[in-house]
Amino acid sequence: FYLKDRPEEAATIHVPCIVFDGKSEDFATEMFVIINSTPTRINKSHL
C-alpha cells in the first residue's frame, strides 16, 4: 500500500529476508507454529 502511494521510494527500500527451501511439507507449518507461539499472535490454545 505504501509503494502504491509513493512508488518513487521503491528504489530506496530493500527488505531483509530469510529463505527456507526444499524442506519437507511439514517444515513451513512447523516454522509458522514456532514464530506465532507468542501472546501477541495466535492464541496458544489453537496451537
ModelCIF file with pLDDT and N, C-alpha, C, O atoms, coordinates in Angstrom:
data_MODEL
#
_entry.id   MODEL 
#
_entity.id                         1 
_entity.type                       polymer 
_entity.pdbx_number_of_molecules   1 
#
_entity_poly.entity_id                      1 
_entity_poly.type                           'polypeptide(L)' 
_entity_poly.nstd_linkage                   no 
_entity_poly.nstd_monomer                   no 
_entity_poly.pdbx_seq_one_letter_code       FYLKDRPEEAATIHVPCIVFDGKSEDFATEMFVIINSTPTRINKSHL 
_entity_poly.pdbx_seq_one_letter_code_can   FYLKDRPEEAATIHVPCIVFDGKSEDFATEMFVIINSTPTRINKSHL 
_entity_poly.pdbx_strand_id                 A 
#
loop_
_entity_poly_seq.entity_id 
_entity_poly_seq.num 
_entity_poly_seq.mon_id 
_entity_poly_seq.hetero 
1 1  PHE n 
1 2  TYR n 
1 3  LEU n 
1 4  LYS n 
1 5  ASP n 
1 6  ARG n 
1 7  PRO n 
1 8  GLU n 
1 9  GLU n 
1 10 ALA n 
1 11 ALA n 
1 12 THR n 
1 13 ILE n 
1 14 HIS n 
1 15 VAL n 
1 16 PRO n 
1 17 CYS n 
1 18 ILE n 
1 19 VAL n 
1 20 PHE n 
1 21 ASP n 
1 22 GLY n 
1 23 LYS n 
1 24 SER n 
1 25 GLU n 
1 26 ASP n 
1 27 PHE n 
1 28 ALA n 
1 29 THR n 
1 30 GLU n 
1 31 MET n 
1 32 PHE n 
1 33 VAL n 
1 34 ILE n 
1 35 ILE n 
1 36 ASN n 
1 37 SER n 
1 38 THR n 
1 39 PRO n 
1 40 THR n 
1 41 ARG n 
1 42 ILE n 
1 43 ASN n 
1 44 LYS n 
1 45 SER n 
1 46 HIS n 
1 47 LEU n 
#
_struct_asym.id          A 
_struct_asym.entity_id   1 
#
loop_
_ma_qa_metric.id 
_ma_qa_metric.mode 
_ma_qa_metric.name 
_ma_qa_metric.software_group_id 
_ma_qa_metric.type 
1 global pLDDT . pLDDT 
2 local  pLDDT . pLDDT 
#
_ma_qa_metric_global.metric_id      1 
_ma_qa_metric_global.metric_value   72.09 
_ma_qa_metric_global.model_id       1 
_ma_qa_metric_global.ordinal_id     1 
#
loop_
_ma_qa_metric_local.label_asym_id 
_ma_qa_metric_local.label_comp_id 
_ma_qa_metric_local.label_seq_id 
_ma_qa_metric_local.metric_id 
_ma_qa_metric_local.metric_value 
_ma_qa_metric_local.model_id 
_ma_qa_metric_local.ordinal_id 
A PHE 1  2 84.00 1 1  
A TYR 2  2 88.00 1 2  
A LEU 3  2 89.00 1 3  
A LYS 4  2 85.00 1 4  
A ASP 5  2 85.00 1 5  
A ARG 6  2 88.00 1 6  
A PRO 7  2 89.00 1 7  
A GLU 8  2 90.00 1 8  
A GLU 9  2 88.00 1 9  
A ALA 10 2 86.00 1 10 
A ALA 11 2 89.00 1 11 
A THR 12 2 90.00 1 12 
A ILE 13 2 93.00 1 13 
A HIS 14 2 95.00 1 14 
A VAL 15 2 95.00 1 15 
A PRO 16 2 95.00 1 16 
A CYS 17 2 95.00 1 17 
A ILE 18 2 93.00 1 18 
A VAL 19 2 93.00 1 19 
A PHE 20 2 89.00 1 20 
A ASP 21 2 87.00 1 21 
A GLY 22 2 78.00 1 22 
A LYS 23 2 62.00 1 23 
A SER 24 2 51.00 1 24 
A GLU 25 2 51.00 1 25 
A ASP 26 2 56.00 1 26 
A PHE 27 2 64.00 1 27 
A ALA 28 2 65.00 1 28 
A THR 29 2 64.00 1 29 
A GLU 30 2 62.00 1 30 
A MET 31 2 68.00 1 31 
A PHE 32 2 66.00 1 32 
A VAL 33 2 63.00 1 33 
A ILE 34 2 60.00 1 34 
A ILE 35 2 64.00 1 35 
A ASN 36 2 58.00 1 36 
A SER 37 2 54.00 1 37 
A THR 38 2 50.00 1 38 
A PRO 39 2 44.00 1 39 
A THR 40 2 45.00 1 40 
A ARG 41 2 51.00 1 41 
A ILE 42 2 52.00 1 42 
A ASN 43 2 54.00 1 43 
A LYS 44 2 55.00 1 44 
A SER 45 2 55.00 1 45 
A HIS 46 2 54.00 1 46 
A LEU 47 2 56.00 1 47 
#
loop_
_atom_site.group_PDB 
_atom_site.id 
_atom_site.type_symbol 
_atom_site.label_atom_id 
_atom_site.label_alt_id 
_atom_site.label_comp_id 
_atom_site.label_asym_id 
_atom_site.label_entity_id 
_atom_site.label_seq_id 
_atom_site.pdbx_PDB_ins_code 
_atom_site.Cartn_x 
_atom_site.Cartn_y 
_atom_site.Cartn_z 
_atom_site.occupancy 
_atom_site.B_iso_or_equiv 
_atom_site.pdbx_formal_charge 
_atom_site.auth_seq_id 
_atom_site.auth_comp_id 
_atom_site.auth_asym_id 
_atom_site.auth_atom_id 
_atom_site.pdbx_PDB_model_num 
ATOM 1   N N  . PHE A 1 1  ? 0.831  -1.206  0.000  1.00 84.00 ? 1  PHE A N  1 
ATOM 2   C CA . PHE A 1 1  ? 0.000  0.000   0.000  1.00 84.00 ? 1  PHE A CA 1 
ATOM 3   C C  . PHE A 1 1  ? 0.870  1.264   0.000  1.00 84.00 ? 1  PHE A C  1 
ATOM 4   O O  . PHE A 1 1  ? 0.557  2.250   -0.667 1.00 84.00 ? 1  PHE A O  1 
ATOM 5   N N  . TYR A 1 2  ? 1.942  1.211   0.745  1.00 88.00 ? 2  TYR A N  1 
ATOM 6   C CA . TYR A 1 2  ? 2.830  2.371   0.847  1.00 88.00 ? 2  TYR A CA 1 
ATOM 7   C C  . TYR A 1 2  ? 3.446  2.714   -0.511 1.00 88.00 ? 2  TYR A C  1 
ATOM 8   O O  . TYR A 1 2  ? 3.480  3.879   -0.909 1.00 88.00 ? 2  TYR A O  1 
ATOM 9   N N  . LEU A 1 3  ? 3.932  1.688   -1.217 1.00 89.00 ? 3  LEU A N  1 
ATOM 10  C CA . LEU A 1 3  ? 4.567  1.933   -2.505 1.00 89.00 ? 3  LEU A CA 1 
ATOM 11  C C  . LEU A 1 3  ? 3.557  2.294   -3.583 1.00 89.00 ? 3  LEU A C  1 
ATOM 12  O O  . LEU A 1 3  ? 3.909  2.911   -4.589 1.00 89.00 ? 3  LEU A O  1 
ATOM 13  N N  . LYS A 1 4  ? 2.310  1.912   -3.375 1.00 85.00 ? 4  LYS A N  1 
ATOM 14  C CA . LYS A 1 4  ? 1.267  2.334   -4.310 1.00 85.00 ? 4  LYS A CA 1 
ATOM 15  C C  . LYS A 1 4  ? 1.093  3.848   -4.249 1.00 85.00 ? 4  LYS A C  1 
ATOM 16  O O  . LYS A 1 4  ? 0.857  4.500   -5.267 1.00 85.00 ? 4  LYS A O  1 
ATOM 17  N N  . ASP A 1 5  ? 1.215  4.403   -3.028 1.00 85.00 ? 5  ASP A N  1 
ATOM 18  C CA . ASP A 1 5  ? 1.090  5.850   -2.860 1.00 85.00 ? 5  ASP A CA 1 
ATOM 19  C C  . ASP A 1 5  ? 2.389  6.574   -3.184 1.00 85.00 ? 5  ASP A C  1 
ATOM 20  O O  . ASP A 1 5  ? 2.363  7.714   -3.649 1.00 85.00 ? 5  ASP A O  1 
ATOM 21  N N  . ARG A 1 6  ? 3.528  5.925   -2.945 1.00 88.00 ? 6  ARG A N  1 
ATOM 22  C CA . ARG A 1 6  ? 4.825  6.573   -3.138 1.00 88.00 ? 6  ARG A CA 1 
ATOM 23  C C  . ARG A 1 6  ? 5.758  5.667   -3.935 1.00 88.00 ? 6  ARG A C  1 
ATOM 24  O O  . ARG A 1 6  ? 6.764  5.194   -3.406 1.00 88.00 ? 6  ARG A O  1 
ATOM 25  N N  . PRO A 1 7  ? 5.434  5.424   -5.188 1.00 89.00 ? 7  PRO A N  1 
ATOM 26  C CA . PRO A 1 7  ? 6.249  4.491   -5.992 1.00 89.00 ? 7  PRO A CA 1 
ATOM 27  C C  . PRO A 1 7  ? 7.686  4.952   -6.167 1.00 89.00 ? 7  PRO A C  1 
ATOM 28  O O  . PRO A 1 7  ? 8.579  4.133   -6.383 1.00 89.00 ? 7  PRO A O  1 
ATOM 29  N N  . GLU A 1 8  ? 7.919  6.264   -6.074 1.00 90.00 ? 8  GLU A N  1 
ATOM 30  C CA . GLU A 1 8  ? 9.264  6.777   -6.276 1.00 90.00 ? 8  GLU A CA 1 
ATOM 31  C C  . GLU A 1 8  ? 10.225 6.342   -5.173 1.00 90.00 ? 8  GLU A C  1 
ATOM 32  O O  . GLU A 1 8  ? 11.440 6.431   -5.349 1.00 90.00 ? 8  GLU A O  1 
ATOM 33  N N  . GLU A 1 9  ? 9.703  5.871   -4.038 1.00 88.00 ? 9  GLU A N  1 
ATOM 34  C CA . GLU A 1 9  ? 10.559 5.461   -2.935 1.00 88.00 ? 9  GLU A CA 1 
ATOM 35  C C  . GLU A 1 9  ? 10.926 3.980   -2.985 1.00 88.00 ? 9  GLU A C  1 
ATOM 36  O O  . GLU A 1 9  ? 11.680 3.492   -2.143 1.00 88.00 ? 9  GLU A O  1 
ATOM 37  N N  . ALA A 1 10 ? 10.388 3.267   -3.978 1.00 86.00 ? 10 ALA A N  1 
ATOM 38  C CA . ALA A 1 10 ? 10.644 1.830   -4.051 1.00 86.00 ? 10 ALA A CA 1 
ATOM 39  C C  . ALA A 1 10 ? 12.132 1.520   -4.145 1.00 86.00 ? 10 ALA A C  1 
ATOM 40  O O  . ALA A 1 10 ? 12.618 0.558   -3.550 1.00 86.00 ? 10 ALA A O  1 
ATOM 41  N N  . ALA A 1 11 ? 12.849 2.351   -4.903 1.00 89.00 ? 11 ALA A N  1 
ATOM 42  C CA . ALA A 1 11 ? 14.280 2.083   -5.102 1.00 89.00 ? 11 ALA A CA 1 
ATOM 43  C C  . ALA A 1 11 ? 15.092 2.269   -3.835 1.00 89.00 ? 11 ALA A C  1 
ATOM 44  O O  . ALA A 1 11 ? 16.229 1.803   -3.763 1.00 89.00 ? 11 ALA A O  1 
ATOM 45  N N  . THR A 1 12 ? 14.540 2.937   -2.836 1.00 90.00 ? 12 THR A N  1 
ATOM 46  C CA . THR A 1 12 ? 15.292 3.213   -1.606 1.00 90.00 ? 12 THR A CA 1 
ATOM 47  C C  . THR A 1 12 ? 15.062 2.167   -0.531 1.00 90.00 ? 12 THR A C  1 
ATOM 48  O O  . THR A 1 12 ? 15.643 2.250   0.551  1.00 90.00 ? 12 THR A O  1 
ATOM 49  N N  . ILE A 1 13 ? 14.219 1.184   -0.817 1.00 93.00 ? 13 ILE A N  1 
ATOM 50  C CA . ILE A 1 13 ? 13.871 0.202   0.215  1.00 93.00 ? 13 ILE A CA 1 
ATOM 51  C C  . ILE A 1 13 ? 14.267 -1.205  -0.238 1.00 93.00 ? 13 ILE A C  1 
ATOM 52  O O  . ILE A 1 13 ? 13.811 -1.694  -1.272 1.00 93.00 ? 13 ILE A O  1 
ATOM 53  N N  . HIS A 1 14 ? 15.100 -1.822  0.538  1.00 95.00 ? 14 HIS A N  1 
ATOM 54  C CA . HIS A 1 14 ? 15.419 -3.243  0.383  1.00 95.00 ? 14 HIS A CA 1 
ATOM 55  C C  . HIS A 1 14 ? 14.917 -3.961  1.633  1.00 95.00 ? 14 HIS A C  1 
ATOM 56  O O  . HIS A 1 14 ? 15.038 -3.442  2.743  1.00 95.00 ? 14 HIS A O  1 
ATOM 57  N N  . VAL A 1 15 ? 14.363 -5.134  1.455  1.00 95.00 ? 15 VAL A N  1 
ATOM 58  C CA . VAL A 1 15 ? 13.749 -5.878  2.559  1.00 95.00 ? 15 VAL A CA 1 
ATOM 59  C C  . VAL A 1 15 ? 14.628 -7.067  2.932  1.00 95.00 ? 15 VAL A C  1 
ATOM 60  O O  . VAL A 1 15 ? 14.911 -7.905  2.075  1.00 95.00 ? 15 VAL A O  1 
ATOM 61  N N  . PRO A 1 16 ? 15.068 -7.164  4.192  1.00 95.00 ? 16 PRO A N  1 
ATOM 62  C CA . PRO A 1 16 ? 15.850 -8.336  4.613  1.00 95.00 ? 16 PRO A CA 1 
ATOM 63  C C  . PRO A 1 16 ? 14.950 -9.562  4.718  1.00 95.00 ? 16 PRO A C  1 
ATOM 64  O O  . PRO A 1 16 ? 13.888 -9.517  5.339  1.00 95.00 ? 16 PRO A O  1 
ATOM 65  N N  . CYS A 1 17 ? 15.388 -10.651 4.106  1.00 95.00 ? 17 CYS A N  1 
ATOM 66  C CA . CYS A 1 17 ? 14.566 -11.870 4.065  1.00 95.00 ? 17 CYS A CA 1 
ATOM 67  C C  . CYS A 1 17 ? 15.402 -13.091 4.425  1.00 95.00 ? 17 CYS A C  1 
ATOM 68  O O  . CYS A 1 17 ? 16.589 -13.177 4.107  1.00 95.00 ? 17 CYS A O  1 
ATOM 69  N N  . ILE A 1 18 ? 14.759 -14.011 5.083  1.00 93.00 ? 18 ILE A N  1 
ATOM 70  C CA . ILE A 1 18 ? 15.330 -15.336 5.292  1.00 93.00 ? 18 ILE A CA 1 
ATOM 71  C C  . ILE A 1 18 ? 14.526 -16.306 4.437  1.00 93.00 ? 18 ILE A C  1 
ATOM 72  O O  . ILE A 1 18 ? 13.297 -16.337 4.503  1.00 93.00 ? 18 ILE A O  1 
ATOM 73  N N  . VAL A 1 19 ? 15.228 -17.095 3.638  1.00 93.00 ? 19 VAL A N  1 
ATOM 74  C CA . VAL A 1 19 ? 14.570 -18.024 2.719  1.00 93.00 ? 19 VAL A CA 1 
ATOM 75  C C  . VAL A 1 19 ? 14.861 -19.457 3.147  1.00 93.00 ? 19 VAL A C  1 
ATOM 76  O O  . VAL A 1 19 ? 16.015 -19.850 3.319  1.00 93.00 ? 19 VAL A O  1 
ATOM 77  N N  . PHE A 1 20 ? 13.799 -20.219 3.311  1.00 89.00 ? 20 PHE A N  1 
ATOM 78  C CA . PHE A 1 20 ? 13.899 -21.661 3.574  1.00 89.00 ? 20 PHE A CA 1 
ATOM 79  C C  . PHE A 1 20 ? 13.443 -22.381 2.310  1.00 89.00 ? 20 PHE A C  1 
ATOM 80  O O  . PHE A 1 20 ? 12.433 -22.015 1.709  1.00 89.00 ? 20 PHE A O  1 
ATOM 81  N N  . ASP A 1 21 ? 14.186 -23.400 1.914  1.00 87.00 ? 21 ASP A N  1 
ATOM 82  C CA . ASP A 1 21 ? 13.831 -24.086 0.664  1.00 87.00 ? 21 ASP A CA 1 
ATOM 83  C C  . ASP A 1 21 ? 13.908 -25.587 0.818  1.00 87.00 ? 21 ASP A C  1 
ATOM 84  O O  . ASP A 1 21 ? 14.593 -26.107 1.699  1.00 87.00 ? 21 ASP A O  1 
ATOM 85  N N  . GLY A 1 22 ? 13.204 -26.263 -0.039 1.00 78.00 ? 22 GLY A N  1 
ATOM 86  C CA . GLY A 1 22 ? 13.353 -27.693 -0.237 1.00 78.00 ? 22 GLY A CA 1 
ATOM 87  C C  . GLY A 1 22 ? 13.192 -28.575 0.973  1.00 78.00 ? 22 GLY A C  1 
ATOM 88  O O  . GLY A 1 22 ? 13.699 -29.697 0.981  1.00 78.00 ? 22 GLY A O  1 
ATOM 89  N N  . LYS A 1 23 ? 12.506 -28.112 1.994  1.00 62.00 ? 23 LYS A N  1 
ATOM 90  C CA . LYS A 1 23 ? 12.314 -28.936 3.176  1.00 62.00 ? 23 LYS A CA 1 
ATOM 91  C C  . LYS A 1 23 ? 11.058 -29.785 3.015  1.00 62.00 ? 23 LYS A C  1 
ATOM 92  O O  . LYS A 1 23 ? 10.363 -29.688 2.003  1.00 62.00 ? 23 LYS A O  1 
ATOM 93  N N  . SER A 1 24 ? 10.769 -30.619 4.016  1.00 51.00 ? 24 SER A N  1 
ATOM 94  C CA . SER A 1 24 ? 9.571  -31.439 3.969  1.00 51.00 ? 24 SER A CA 1 
ATOM 95  C C  . SER A 1 24 ? 8.337  -30.552 4.001  1.00 51.00 ? 24 SER A C  1 
ATOM 96  O O  . SER A 1 24 ? 8.433  -29.371 4.333  1.00 51.00 ? 24 SER A O  1 
ATOM 97  N N  . GLU A 1 25 ? 7.192  -31.099 3.664  1.00 51.00 ? 25 GLU A N  1 
ATOM 98  C CA . GLU A 1 25 ? 5.962  -30.312 3.626  1.00 51.00 ? 25 GLU A CA 1 
ATOM 99  C C  . GLU A 1 25 ? 5.553  -29.820 5.004  1.00 51.00 ? 25 GLU A C  1 
ATOM 100 O O  . GLU A 1 25 ? 4.805  -28.849 5.123  1.00 51.00 ? 25 GLU A O  1 
ATOM 101 N N  . ASP A 1 26 ? 6.038  -30.482 6.039  1.00 56.00 ? 26 ASP A N  1 
ATOM 102 C CA . ASP A 1 26 ? 5.682  -30.047 7.392  1.00 56.00 ? 26 ASP A CA 1 
ATOM 103 C C  . ASP A 1 26 ? 6.516  -28.848 7.840  1.00 56.00 ? 26 ASP A C  1 
ATOM 104 O O  . ASP A 1 26 ? 6.203  -28.205 8.842  1.00 56.00 ? 26 ASP A O  1 
ATOM 105 N N  . PHE A 1 27 ? 7.577  -28.553 7.091  1.00 64.00 ? 27 PHE A N  1 
ATOM 106 C CA . PHE A 1 27 ? 8.517  -27.559 7.595  1.00 64.00 ? 27 PHE A CA 1 
ATOM 107 C C  . PHE A 1 27 ? 7.897  -26.173 7.704  1.00 64.00 ? 27 PHE A C  1 
ATOM 108 O O  . PHE A 1 27 ? 8.095  -25.490 8.709  1.00 64.00 ? 27 PHE A O  1 
ATOM 109 N N  . ALA A 1 28 ? 7.151  -25.744 6.689  1.00 65.00 ? 28 ALA A N  1 
ATOM 110 C CA . ALA A 1 28 ? 6.551  -24.409 6.732  1.00 65.00 ? 28 ALA A CA 1 
ATOM 111 C C  . ALA A 1 28 ? 5.556  -24.299 7.871  1.00 65.00 ? 28 ALA A C  1 
ATOM 112 O O  . ALA A 1 28 ? 5.488  -23.274 8.548  1.00 65.00 ? 28 ALA A O  1 
ATOM 113 N N  . THR A 1 29 ? 4.787  -25.352 8.082  1.00 64.00 ? 29 THR A N  1 
ATOM 114 C CA . THR A 1 29 ? 3.839  -25.362 9.193  1.00 64.00 ? 29 THR A CA 1 
ATOM 115 C C  . THR A 1 29 ? 4.578  -25.273 10.512 1.00 64.00 ? 29 THR A C  1 
ATOM 116 O O  . THR A 1 29 ? 4.182  -24.541 11.419 1.00 64.00 ? 29 THR A O  1 
ATOM 117 N N  . GLU A 1 30 ? 5.665  -26.036 10.602 1.00 62.00 ? 30 GLU A N  1 
ATOM 118 C CA . GLU A 1 30 ? 6.480  -26.031 11.819 1.00 62.00 ? 30 GLU A CA 1 
ATOM 119 C C  . GLU A 1 30 ? 6.999  -24.628 12.120 1.00 62.00 ? 30 GLU A C  1 
ATOM 120 O O  . GLU A 1 30 ? 6.916  -24.161 13.256 1.00 62.00 ? 30 GLU A O  1 
ATOM 121 N N  . MET A 1 31 ? 7.529  -23.964 11.108 1.00 68.00 ? 31 MET A N  1 
ATOM 122 C CA . MET A 1 31 ? 8.046  -22.613 11.291 1.00 68.00 ? 31 MET A CA 1 
ATOM 123 C C  . MET A 1 31 ? 6.923  -21.659 11.701 1.00 68.00 ? 31 MET A C  1 
ATOM 124 O O  . MET A 1 31 ? 7.122  -20.792 12.551 1.00 68.00 ? 31 MET A O  1 
ATOM 125 N N  . PHE A 1 32 ? 5.758  -21.819 11.100 1.00 66.00 ? 32 PHE A N  1 
ATOM 126 C CA . PHE A 1 32 ? 4.625  -20.945 11.423 1.00 66.00 ? 32 PHE A CA 1 
ATOM 127 C C  . PHE A 1 32 ? 4.238  -21.094 12.888 1.00 66.00 ? 32 PHE A C  1 
ATOM 128 O O  . PHE A 1 32 ? 3.976  -20.101 13.566 1.00 66.00 ? 32 PHE A O  1 
ATOM 129 N N  . VAL A 1 33 ? 4.203  -22.328 13.376 1.00 63.00 ? 33 VAL A N  1 
ATOM 130 C CA . VAL A 1 33 ? 3.872  -22.584 14.776 1.00 63.00 ? 33 VAL A CA 1 
ATOM 131 C C  . VAL A 1 33 ? 4.899  -21.935 15.691 1.00 63.00 ? 33 VAL A C  1 
ATOM 132 O O  . VAL A 1 33 ? 4.536  -21.277 16.665 1.00 63.00 ? 33 VAL A O  1 
ATOM 133 N N  . ILE A 1 34 ? 6.191  -22.119 15.380 1.00 60.00 ? 34 ILE A N  1 
ATOM 134 C CA . ILE A 1 34 ? 7.245  -21.561 16.232 1.00 60.00 ? 34 ILE A CA 1 
ATOM 135 C C  . ILE A 1 34 ? 7.150  -20.042 16.284 1.00 60.00 ? 34 ILE A C  1 
ATOM 136 O O  . ILE A 1 34 ? 7.193  -19.453 17.365 1.00 60.00 ? 34 ILE A O  1 
ATOM 137 N N  . ILE A 1 35 ? 7.021  -19.408 15.130 1.00 64.00 ? 35 ILE A N  1 
ATOM 138 C CA . ILE A 1 35 ? 7.014  -17.950 15.058 1.00 64.00 ? 35 ILE A CA 1 
ATOM 139 C C  . ILE A 1 35 ? 5.796  -17.372 15.763 1.00 64.00 ? 35 ILE A C  1 
ATOM 140 O O  . ILE A 1 35 ? 5.884  -16.315 16.387 1.00 64.00 ? 35 ILE A O  1 
ATOM 141 N N  . ASN A 1 36 ? 4.672  -18.050 15.671 1.00 58.00 ? 36 ASN A N  1 
ATOM 142 C CA . ASN A 1 36 ? 3.432  -17.480 16.182 1.00 58.00 ? 36 ASN A CA 1 
ATOM 143 C C  . ASN A 1 36 ? 3.066  -17.948 17.576 1.00 58.00 ? 36 ASN A C  1 
ATOM 144 O O  . ASN A 1 36 ? 1.971  -17.647 18.051 1.00 58.00 ? 36 ASN A O  1 
ATOM 145 N N  . SER A 1 37 ? 3.954  -18.678 18.251 1.00 54.00 ? 37 SER A N  1 
ATOM 146 C CA . SER A 1 37 ? 3.670  -19.160 19.605 1.00 54.00 ? 37 SER A CA 1 
ATOM 147 C C  . SER A 1 37 ? 3.987  -18.096 20.639 1.00 54.00 ? 37 SER A C  1 
ATOM 148 O O  . SER A 1 37 ? 4.748  -18.353 21.571 1.00 54.00 ? 37 SER A O  1 
ATOM 149 N N  . THR A 1 38 ? 3.421  -16.909 20.496 1.00 50.00 ? 38 THR A N  1 
ATOM 150 C CA . THR A 1 38 ? 3.646  -15.835 21.450 1.00 50.00 ? 38 THR A CA 1 
ATOM 151 C C  . THR A 1 38 ? 2.325  -15.213 21.809 1.00 50.00 ? 38 THR A C  1 
ATOM 152 O O  . THR A 1 38 ? 1.375  -15.315 21.032 1.00 50.00 ? 38 THR A O  1 
ATOM 153 N N  . PRO A 1 39 ? 2.219  -14.559 22.973 1.00 44.00 ? 39 PRO A N  1 
ATOM 154 C CA . PRO A 1 39 ? 0.948  -13.998 23.413 1.00 44.00 ? 39 PRO A CA 1 
ATOM 155 C C  . PRO A 1 39 ? 0.366  -12.962 22.467 1.00 44.00 ? 39 PRO A C  1 
ATOM 156 O O  . PRO A 1 39 ? -0.844 -12.736 22.487 1.00 44.00 ? 39 PRO A O  1 
ATOM 157 N N  . THR A 1 40 ? 1.197  -12.316 21.625 1.00 45.00 ? 40 THR A N  1 
ATOM 158 C CA . THR A 1 40 ? 0.671  -11.271 20.758 1.00 45.00 ? 40 THR A CA 1 
ATOM 159 C C  . THR A 1 40 ? 0.200  -11.806 19.418 1.00 45.00 ? 40 THR A C  1 
ATOM 160 O O  . THR A 1 40 ? -0.288 -11.043 18.584 1.00 45.00 ? 40 THR A O  1 
ATOM 161 N N  . ARG A 1 41 ? 0.337  -13.096 19.202 1.00 51.00 ? 41 ARG A N  1 
ATOM 162 C CA . ARG A 1 41 ? -0.053 -13.624 17.902 1.00 51.00 ? 41 ARG A CA 1 
ATOM 163 C C  . ARG A 1 41 ? -1.151 -14.673 18.101 1.00 51.00 ? 41 ARG A C  1 
ATOM 164 O O  . ARG A 1 41 ? -2.129 -14.418 18.803 1.00 51.00 ? 41 ARG A O  1 
ATOM 165 N N  . ILE A 1 42 ? -0.996 -15.819 17.502 1.00 52.00 ? 42 ILE A N  1 
ATOM 166 C CA . ILE A 1 42 ? -2.062 -16.805 17.549 1.00 52.00 ? 42 ILE A CA 1 
ATOM 167 C C  . ILE A 1 42 ? -2.269 -17.313 18.971 1.00 52.00 ? 42 ILE A C  1 
ATOM 168 O O  . ILE A 1 42 ? -1.308 -17.588 19.690 1.00 52.00 ? 42 ILE A O  1 
ATOM 169 N N  . ASN A 1 43 ? -3.522 -17.432 19.364 1.00 54.00 ? 43 ASN A N  1 
ATOM 170 C CA . ASN A 1 43 ? -3.868 -17.917 20.684 1.00 54.00 ? 43 ASN A CA 1 
ATOM 171 C C  . ASN A 1 43 ? -3.220 -19.281 20.918 1.00 54.00 ? 43 ASN A C  1 
ATOM 172 O O  . ASN A 1 43 ? -3.335 -20.184 20.089 1.00 54.00 ? 43 ASN A O  1 
ATOM 173 N N  . LYS A 1 44 ? -2.543 -19.418 22.047 1.00 55.00 ? 44 LYS A N  1 
ATOM 174 C CA . LYS A 1 44 ? -1.807 -20.651 22.316 1.00 55.00 ? 44 LYS A CA 1 
ATOM 175 C C  . LYS A 1 44 ? -2.716 -21.870 22.319 1.00 55.00 ? 44 LYS A C  1 
ATOM 176 O O  . LYS A 1 44 ? -2.290 -22.958 21.933 1.00 55.00 ? 44 LYS A O  1 
ATOM 177 N N  . SER A 1 45 ? -3.956 -21.704 22.748 1.00 55.00 ? 45 SER A N  1 
ATOM 178 C CA . SER A 1 45 ? -4.874 -22.838 22.752 1.00 55.00 ? 45 SER A CA 1 
ATOM 179 C C  . SER A 1 45 ? -5.005 -23.442 21.366 1.00 55.00 ? 45 SER A C  1 
ATOM 180 O O  . SER A 1 45 ? -5.087 -24.661 21.215 1.00 55.00 ? 45 SER A O  1 
ATOM 181 N N  . HIS A 1 46 ? -5.025 -22.571 20.341 1.00 54.00 ? 46 HIS A N  1 
ATOM 182 C CA . HIS A 1 46 ? -5.196 -23.083 18.996 1.00 54.00 ? 46 HIS A CA 1 
ATOM 183 C C  . HIS A 1 46 ? -3.990 -23.883 18.545 1.00 54.00 ? 46 HIS A C  1 
ATOM 184 O O  . HIS A 1 46 ? -4.118 -24.774 17.705 1.00 54.00 ? 46 HIS A O  1 
ATOM 185 N N  . LEU A 1 47 ? -2.826 -23.581 19.087 1.00 56.00 ? 47 LEU A N  1 
ATOM 186 C CA . LEU A 1 47 ? -1.624 -24.284 18.673 1.00 56.00 ? 47 LEU A CA 1 
ATOM 187 C C  . LEU A 1 47 ? -1.634 -25.750 19.089 1.00 56.00 ? 47 LEU A C  1 
ATOM 188 O O  . LEU A 1 47 ? -0.682 -26.478 18.809 1.00 56.00 ? 47 LEU A O  1 
#
